Amino acid sequence: MGDVGKGPWLDDDEQAAWRSYLLMNKTLATHLERHLQREFGMSNSDFEILVNLSESEHGRMRAFELGRATQWEKSRMSHHLSRMEKRGLIRKEACESRYPEIVITEKGLAAIRACAPAHAARVREFFVDVLGTDRMIALGQASDEIVDTIGKHCESDCPPEVSGLG
């Protein structure tokens, strides 16, 4: 294969670290989701929505707030909330605003309470305990810096259709 072009290519060590990170992230996420699905009949998307709702002050959020928290597109959010509502995990309630609030139901609360301890135990086993305290702190700091850098990019020279701010 020929040269792909000139650019800011990664050196061998950078490429190896980047690919190792991608493989770890995908492997961990897939493994955790398979456990959620097999043991609790819940997708990672269900879990993410229920976590956000259960951690909100009154178990309710506006769909746009959920979209911001999950970084989901509006259509994905709408379709997924409809599926969760049919399963009785959430309900939509009219409010003073034009758009309804999304409310976690008793069934949704029971579902998150049932699966969260097992999920947290697996995160601890496969992530926290493997890294240890010092590397966890370093990873947390590095993660915060990366998220901040992307945030600054999205607010400055990133096209709105990429940044999600458009």
C-alpha atoms as a PDB file:
ATOM      1  CA  MET A   1       0.000   0.000   0.000  1.00  0.00           C
ATOM      2  CA  GLY A   2       1.180   3.460  -0.777  1.00  0.00           C
ATOM      3  CA  ASP A   3       1.609   6.388   1.514  1.00  0.00           C
ATOM      4  CA  VAL A   4      -1.824   7.537   2.715  1.00  0.00           C
ATOM      5  CA  GLY A   5      -0.691  11.110   2.790  1.00  0.00           C
ATOM      6  CA  LYS A   6       1.157  13.570   4.893  1.00  0.00           C
ATOM      7  CA  GLY A   7      -0.260  14.501   8.212  1.00  0.00           C
ATOM      8  CA  PRO A   8       0.130  14.348  11.940  1.00  0.00           C
ATOM      9  CA  TRP A   9       0.553  10.553  12.044  1.00  0.00           C
ATOM     10  CA  LEU A  10       0.999   8.724  15.288  1.00  0.00           C
ATOM     11  CA  ASP A  11       4.335   7.089  15.951  1.00  0.00           C
ATOM     12  CA  ASP A  12       4.446   3.357  16.674  1.00  0.00           C
ATOM     13  CA  ASP A  13       4.146   3.744  20.457  1.00  0.00           C
ATOM     14  CA  GLU A  14       1.280   6.247  20.153  1.00  0.00           C
ATOM     15  CA  GLN A  15      -0.519   4.018  17.648  1.00  0.00           C
ATOM     16  CA  ALA A  16      -0.092   0.962  19.886  1.00  0.00           C
ATOM     17  CA  ALA A  17      -1.395   2.854  22.945  1.00  0.00           C
ATOM     18  CA  TRP A  18      -4.358   4.279  20.998  1.00  0.00           C
ATOM     19  CA  ARG A  19      -5.343   0.883  19.599  1.00  0.00           C
ATOM     20  CA  SER A  20      -4.910  -0.755  22.991  1.00  0.00           C
ATOM     21  CA  TYR A  21      -7.226   1.859  24.502  1.00  0.00           C
ATOM     22  CA  LEU A  22      -9.831   1.323  21.750  1.00  0.00           C
ATOM     23  CA  LEU A  23      -9.726  -2.458  22.232  1.00  0.00           C
ATOM     24  CA  MET A  24      -9.988  -2.138  26.035  1.00  0.00           C
ATOM     25  CA  ASN A  25     -12.875   0.320  25.803  1.00  0.00           C
ATOM     26  CA  LYS A  26     -14.825  -1.825  23.331  1.00  0.00           C
ATOM     27  CA  THR A  27     -14.098  -5.100  25.153  1.00  0.00           C
ATOM     28  CA  LEU A  28     -15.083  -3.701  28.552  1.00  0.00           C
ATOM     29  CA  ALA A  29     -18.245  -2.000  27.283  1.00  0.00           C
ATOM     30  CA  THR A  30     -19.342  -5.083  25.347  1.00  0.00           C
ATOM     31  CA  HIS A  31     -18.686  -7.420  28.278  1.00  0.00           C
ATOM     32  CA  LEU A  32     -20.558  -5.219  30.747  1.00  0.00           C
ATOM     33  CA  GLU A  33     -23.502  -4.829  28.384  1.00  0.00           C
ATOM     34  CA  ARG A  34     -23.713  -8.583  27.774  1.00  0.00           C
ATOM     35  CA  HIS A  35     -24.012  -9.124  31.520  1.00  0.00           C
ATOM     36  CA  LEU A  36     -26.731  -6.448  31.797  1.00  0.00           C
ATOM     37  CA  GLN A  37     -28.621  -8.042  28.927  1.00  0.00           C
ATOM     38  CA  ARG A  38     -28.315 -11.673  30.026  1.00  0.00           C
ATOM     39  CA  GLU A  39     -28.906 -11.166  33.730  1.00  0.00           C
ATOM     40  CA  PHE A  40     -31.371  -8.285  33.751  1.00  0.00           C
ATOM     41  CA  GLY A  41     -32.778  -7.966  30.209  1.00  0.00           C
ATOM     42  CA  MET A  42     -31.430  -4.436  30.062  1.00  0.00           C
ATOM     43  CA  SER A  43     -29.371  -2.767  27.363  1.00  0.00           C
ATOM     44  CA  ASN A  44     -26.580  -0.339  28.130  1.00  0.00           C
ATOM     45  CA  SER A  45     -28.828   2.387  26.699  1.00  0.00           C
ATOM     46  CA  ASP A  46     -31.622   1.458  29.136  1.00  0.00           C
ATOM     47  CA  PHE A  47     -29.105   1.489  31.978  1.00  0.00           C
ATOM     48  CA  GLU A  48     -27.725   4.896  30.974  1.00  0.00           C
ATOM     49  CA  ILE A  49     -31.184   6.483  30.886  1.00  0.00           C
ATOM     50  CA  LEU A  50     -32.264   4.893  34.168  1.00  0.00           C
ATOM     51  CA  VAL A  51     -29.045   5.937  35.914  1.00  0.00           C
ATOM     52  CA  ASN A  52     -29.533   9.550  34.823  1.00  0.00           C
ATOM     53  CA  LEU A  53     -33.174   9.581  35.900  1.00  0.00           C
ATOM     54  CA  SER A  54     -32.547   7.805  39.204  1.00  0.00           C
ATOM     55  CA  GLU A  55     -29.757  10.244  40.066  1.00  0.00           C
ATOM     56  CA  SER A  56     -31.810  13.327  39.192  1.00  0.00           C
ATOM     57  CA  GLU A  57     -33.393  15.267  42.047  1.00  0.00           C
ATOM     58  CA  HIS A  58     -36.977  14.093  41.516  1.00  0.00           C
ATOM     59  CA  GLY A  59     -36.508  11.104  39.204  1.00  0.00           C
ATOM     60  CA  ARG A  60     -37.419  13.227  36.212  1.00  0.00           C
ATOM     61  CA  MET A  61     -35.683  15.122  33.457  1.00  0.00           C
ATOM     62  CA  ARG A  62     -36.579  16.797  30.220  1.00  0.00           C
ATOM     63  CA  ALA A  63     -35.665  14.825  27.105  1.00  0.00           C
ATOM     64  CA  PHE A  64     -33.182  17.510  26.014  1.00  0.00           C
ATOM     65  CA  GLU A  65     -31.461  17.220  29.425  1.00  0.00           C
ATOM     66  CA  LEU A  66     -31.197  13.450  28.957  1.00  0.00           C
ATOM     67  CA  GLY A  67     -29.856  14.083  25.466  1.00  0.00           C
ATOM     68  CA  ARG A  68     -27.202  16.403  26.830  1.00  0.00           C
ATOM     69  CA  ALA A  69     -26.255  13.942  29.586  1.00  0.00           C
ATOM     70  CA  THR A  70     -26.023  10.969  27.214  1.00  0.00           C
ATOM     71  CA  GLN A  71     -24.784  12.858  24.130  1.00  0.00           C
ATOM     72  CA  TRP A  72     -27.481  11.156  22.052  1.00  0.00           C
ATOM     73  CA  GLU A  73     -29.099  12.574  18.942  1.00  0.00           C
ATOM     74  CA  LYS A  74     -32.710  13.734  19.352  1.00  0.00           C
ATOM     75  CA  SER A  75     -34.163  10.969  17.152  1.00  0.00           C
ATOM     76  CA  ARG A  76     -32.266   8.221  18.970  1.00  0.00           C
ATOM     77  CA  MET A  77     -33.469   9.583  22.310  1.00  0.00           C
ATOM     78  CA  SER A  78     -37.068   9.771  21.129  1.00  0.00           C
ATOM     79  CA  HIS A  79     -37.116   6.223  19.767  1.00  0.00           C
ATOM     80  CA  HIS A  80     -35.409   4.744  22.810  1.00  0.00           C
ATOM     81  CA  LEU A  81     -37.668   6.539  25.273  1.00  0.00           C
ATOM     82  CA  SER A  82     -40.710   5.214  23.392  1.00  0.00           C
ATOM     83  CA  ARG A  83     -39.387   1.657  23.709  1.00  0.00           C
ATOM     84  CA  MET A  84     -38.662   2.130  27.417  1.00  0.00           C
ATOM     85  CA  GLU A  85     -42.125   3.612  27.977  1.00  0.00           C
ATOM     86  CA  LYS A  86     -43.750   0.574  26.333  1.00  0.00           C
ATOM     87  CA  ARG A  87     -41.818  -1.626  28.763  1.00  0.00           C
ATOM     88  CA  GLY A  88     -42.990   0.469  31.717  1.00  0.00           C
ATOM     89  CA  LEU A  89     -39.521   1.691  32.754  1.00  0.00           C
ATOM     90  CA  ILE A  90     -40.311   5.371  32.227  1.00  0.00           C
ATOM     91  CA  ARG A  91     -43.334   7.536  31.524  1.00  0.00           C
ATOM     92  CA  LYS A  92     -43.785  10.900  29.871  1.00  0.00           C
ATOM     93  CA  GLU A  93     -45.637  13.535  31.881  1.00  0.00           C
ATOM     94  CA  ALA A  94     -46.989  16.822  30.637  1.00  0.00           C
ATOM     95  CA  CYS A  95     -45.568  19.890  32.321  1.00  0.00           C
ATOM     96  CA  GLU A  96     -45.664  23.671  31.905  1.00  0.00           C
ATOM     97  CA  SER A  97     -43.305  23.382  28.974  1.00  0.00           C
ATOM     98  CA  ARG A  98     -44.227  22.303  25.474  1.00  0.00           C
ATOM     99  CA  TYR A  99     -42.259  19.082  25.912  1.00  0.00           C
ATOM    100  CA  PRO A 100     -43.066  16.411  28.507  1.00  0.00           C
ATOM    101  CA  GLU A 101     -40.812  15.403  31.351  1.00  0.00           C
ATOM    102  CA  ILE A 102     -39.374  11.894  31.382  1.00  0.00           C
ATOM    103  CA  VAL A 103     -40.073  10.199  34.712  1.00  0.00           C
ATOM    104  CA  ILE A 104     -38.627   6.961  36.044  1.00  0.00           C
ATOM    105  CA  THR A 105     -41.394   4.566  37.110  1.00  0.00           C
ATOM    106  CA  GLU A 106     -41.450   2.171  40.054  1.00  0.00           C
ATOM    107  CA  LYS A 107     -40.628  -0.598  37.576  1.00  0.00           C
ATOM    108  CA  GLY A 108     -37.696   1.452  36.285  1.00  0.00           C
ATOM    109  CA  LEU A 109     -36.459   2.101  39.819  1.00  0.00           C
ATOM    110  CA  ALA A 110     -36.739  -1.583  40.645  1.00  0.00           C
ATOM    111  CA  ALA A 111     -34.798  -2.468  37.489  1.00  0.00           C
ATOM    112  CA  ILE A 112     -31.927  -0.080  38.218  1.00  0.00           C
ATOM    113  CA  ARG A 113     -31.812  -1.130  41.874  1.00  0.00           C
ATOM    114  CA  ALA A 114     -31.643  -4.775  40.814  1.00  0.00           C
ATOM    115  CA  CYS A 115     -28.847  -4.444  38.270  1.00  0.00           C
ATOM    116  CA  ALA A 116     -26.715  -1.552  39.585  1.00  0.00           C
ATOM    117  CA  PRO A 117     -24.938  -3.519  42.349  1.00  0.00           C
ATOM    118  CA  ALA A 118     -23.907  -6.331  39.983  1.00  0.00           C
ATOM    119  CA  HIS A 119     -22.844  -3.801  37.352  1.00  0.00           C
ATOM    120  CA  ALA A 120     -20.790  -1.816  39.872  1.00  0.00           C
ATOM    121  CA  ALA A 121     -19.136  -5.029  41.099  1.00  0.00           C
ATOM    122  CA  ARG A 122     -18.076  -5.867  37.551  1.00  0.00           C
ATOM    123  CA  VAL A 123     -16.760  -2.349  36.928  1.00  0.00           C
ATOM    124  CA  ARG A 124     -14.741  -2.743  40.112  1.00  0.00           C
ATOM    125  CA  GLU A 125     -13.447  -6.208  39.132  1.00  0.00           C
ATOM    126  CA  PHE A 126     -12.531  -5.437  35.526  1.00  0.00           C
ATOM    127  CA  PHE A 127     -11.525  -1.773  35.793  1.00  0.00           C
ATOM    128  CA  VAL A 128     -11.026  -0.267  39.253  1.00  0.00           C
ATOM    129  CA  ASP A 129      -9.161  -3.184  40.845  1.00  0.00           C
ATOM    130  CA  VAL A 130      -7.018  -3.714  37.752  1.00  0.00           C
ATOM    131  CA  LEU A 131      -5.893  -0.077  37.690  1.00  0.00           C
ATOM    132  CA  GLY A 132      -5.445   0.508  41.404  1.00  0.00           C
ATOM    133  CA  THR A 133      -5.709   3.845  43.178  1.00  0.00           C
ATOM    134  CA  ASP A 134      -2.795   5.764  41.626  1.00  0.00           C
ATOM    135  CA  ARG A 135      -3.595   4.808  38.047  1.00  0.00           C
ATOM    136  CA  MET A 136      -7.320   5.468  38.655  1.00  0.00           C
ATOM    137  CA  ILE A 137      -6.523   8.995  39.814  1.00  0.00           C
ATOM    138  CA  ALA A 138      -4.203   9.569  36.844  1.00  0.00           C
ATOM    139  CA  LEU A 139      -6.785   8.198  34.421  1.00  0.00           C
ATOM    140  CA  GLY A 140      -9.500  10.382  35.943  1.00  0.00           C
ATOM    141  CA  GLN A 141      -7.332  13.469  35.578  1.00  0.00           C
ATOM    142  CA  ALA A 142      -6.351  12.604  32.009  1.00  0.00           C
ATOM    143  CA  SER A 143      -9.986  11.888  31.119  1.00  0.00           C
ATOM    144  CA  ASP A 144     -11.103  15.248  32.519  1.00  0.00           C
ATOM    145  CA  GLU A 145      -8.401  17.029  30.512  1.00  0.00           C
ATOM    146  CA  ILE A 146      -9.432  15.270  27.294  1.00  0.00           C
ATOM    147  CA  VAL A 147     -13.119  16.092  27.835  1.00  0.00           C
ATOM    148  CA  ASP A 148     -12.223  19.740  28.580  1.00  0.00           C
ATOM    149  CA  THR A 149     -10.083  19.944  25.428  1.00  0.00           C
ATOM    150  CA  ILE A 150     -12.904  18.543  23.299  1.00  0.00           C
ATOM    151  CA  GLY A 151     -15.365  20.950  24.938  1.00  0.00           C
ATOM    152  CA  LYS A 152     -13.146  23.926  24.056  1.00  0.00           C
ATOM    153  CA  HIS A 153     -12.813  22.624  20.490  1.00  0.00           C
ATOM    154  CA  CYS A 154     -16.603  22.252  20.174  1.00  0.00           C
ATOM    155  CA  GLU A 155     -17.105  25.822  21.366  1.00  0.00           C
ATOM    156  CA  SER A 156     -14.523  27.300  18.996  1.00  0.00           C
ATOM    157  CA  ASP A 157     -13.639  25.830  15.614  1.00  0.00           C
ATOM    158  CA  CYS A 158     -15.687  22.641  15.428  1.00  0.00           C
ATOM    159  CA  PRO A 159     -18.549  22.521  12.900  1.00  0.00           C
ATOM    160  CA  PRO A 160     -21.944  22.575  14.712  1.00  0.00           C
ATOM    161  CA  GLU A 161     -23.027  19.305  13.064  1.00  0.00           C
ATOM    162  CA  VAL A 162     -19.974  17.617  14.617  1.00  0.00           C
ATOM    163  CA  SER A 163     -20.000  19.374  17.977  1.00  0.00           C
ATOM    164  CA  GLY A 164     -23.674  18.725  18.637  1.00  0.00           C
ATOM    165  CA  LEU A 165     -24.122  22.417  19.423  1.00  0.00           C
ATOM    166  CA  GLY A 166     -25.916  23.184  16.139  1.00  0.00           C
END
